[in-house]
Amino acid sequence: MFVVHVQSKTAKIEFVGIHGDALKFLVSASPIEGKANDELCRYLAKLFAISPNTVSVCSGSASRKKRIELIGMTEEKVRSVLNLLSWED
């Protein structure tokens, strides 16, 4: 599980770095009716090459700051994919 900061209604969908204690992602969808959360989950599933049903927003669904779970993914794998070898919790 890890913490993300999501900025919605942007031109691109991408990981942009660290924002405080969270991984920052940009998504193009609006936060209305969970569309930004859905887009983030689809993006993470594609990024980590896992099934979309193994990605979930555990808390913060109505907030920019969320806790995300990627079932079966280790912290080391997340760091490797995002090139965050020096990232600390």
Protein backbone atom coordinates (compact mmCIF):
# COMPACT_ATOMS: atom_id res chain seq x y z
CA MET A 1 0.00 0.00 0.00
CA PHE A 2 1.28 3.49 -0.77
CA VAL A 3 0.11 7.09 -0.63
CA VAL A 4 -0.57 9.10 -3.78
CA HIS A 5 -1.43 12.73 -4.45
CA VAL A 6 -3.68 13.10 -7.49
CA GLN A 7 -4.12 16.23 -9.56
CA SER A 8 -7.14 15.87 -11.81
CA LYS A 9 -8.27 17.59 -15.02
CA THR A 10 -4.76 17.78 -16.52
CA ALA A 11 -3.65 17.35 -20.13
CA LYS A 12 -1.80 14.06 -19.48
CA ILE A 13 -1.97 10.94 -17.35
CA GLU A 14 1.43 10.40 -15.76
CA PHE A 15 3.59 9.96 -12.68
CA VAL A 16 5.41 13.24 -11.99
CA GLY A 17 7.42 12.59 -8.81
CA ILE A 18 7.14 13.07 -5.08
CA HIS A 19 4.71 15.48 -3.41
CA GLY A 20 5.45 15.63 0.33
CA ASP A 21 5.08 12.04 1.54
CA ALA A 22 3.14 10.88 -1.52
CA LEU A 23 3.73 9.81 -5.11
CA LYS A 24 2.18 12.45 -7.38
CA PHE A 25 0.11 11.49 -10.40
CA LEU A 26 -1.66 13.64 -12.95
CA VAL A 27 -4.92 12.38 -14.45
CA SER A 28 -7.05 13.96 -17.13
CA ALA A 29 -10.42 12.86 -15.76
CA SER A 30 -12.62 15.00 -13.54
CA PRO A 31 -12.95 13.97 -9.88
CA ILE A 32 -16.75 13.90 -10.28
CA GLU A 33 -18.35 10.50 -9.54
CA GLY A 34 -14.95 8.81 -9.01
CA LYS A 35 -13.83 9.22 -12.63
CA ALA A 36 -10.34 10.39 -11.61
CA ASN A 37 -9.99 7.41 -9.22
CA ASP A 38 -11.04 5.00 -11.96
CA GLU A 39 -8.60 6.53 -14.43
CA LEU A 40 -5.77 6.38 -11.86
CA CYS A 41 -6.50 2.70 -11.14
CA ARG A 42 -6.53 1.84 -14.86
CA TYR A 43 -3.27 3.75 -15.37
CA LEU A 44 -1.58 1.99 -12.44
CA ALA A 45 -2.74 -1.42 -13.67
CA LYS A 46 -1.26 -0.71 -17.09
CA LEU A 47 1.94 0.79 -15.64
CA PHE A 48 2.59 -2.22 -13.41
CA ALA A 49 1.25 -4.77 -15.92
CA ILE A 50 -1.32 -6.15 -13.49
CA SER A 51 -5.04 -6.79 -13.67
CA PRO A 52 -7.20 -3.70 -13.03
CA ASN A 53 -9.13 -5.59 -10.35
CA THR A 54 -5.92 -5.85 -8.26
CA VAL A 55 -5.71 -2.04 -7.90
CA SER A 56 -7.89 -0.32 -5.33
CA VAL A 57 -8.27 2.99 -3.53
CA CYS A 58 -8.26 1.95 0.13
CA SER A 59 -8.88 5.40 1.57
CA GLY A 60 -9.21 8.97 0.40
CA SER A 61 -11.54 8.30 -2.51
CA ALA A 62 -12.95 11.84 -2.24
CA SER A 63 -9.58 13.47 -1.54
CA ARG A 64 -6.49 14.32 -3.56
CA LYS A 65 -4.44 12.25 -1.11
CA LYS A 66 -5.25 8.54 -1.33
CA ARG A 67 -3.97 5.19 -0.11
CA ILE A 68 -3.63 2.76 -3.00
CA GLU A 69 -3.22 -0.99 -2.81
CA LEU A 70 -1.67 -3.01 -5.62
CA ILE A 71 -2.33 -6.64 -4.73
CA GLY A 72 0.76 -8.75 -5.26
CA MET A 73 3.14 -5.79 -5.74
CA THR A 74 6.08 -5.23 -3.42
CA GLU A 75 7.41 -1.82 -2.46
CA GLU A 76 10.63 -2.70 -4.28
CA LYS A 77 8.72 -3.37 -7.50
CA VAL A 78 6.86 -0.06 -7.19
CA ARG A 79 10.15 1.76 -6.65
CA SER A 80 11.75 -0.03 -9.58
CA VAL A 81 8.95 0.76 -12.01
CA LEU A 82 8.79 4.40 -10.93
CA ASN A 83 12.60 4.71 -10.68
CA LEU A 84 12.39 5.72 -7.03
CA LEU A 85 15.27 3.76 -5.57
CA SER A 86 15.92 6.47 -2.99
CA TRP A 87 12.26 6.99 -2.01
CA GLU A 88 11.68 6.63 1.74
CA ASP A 89 8.36 6.10 3.56
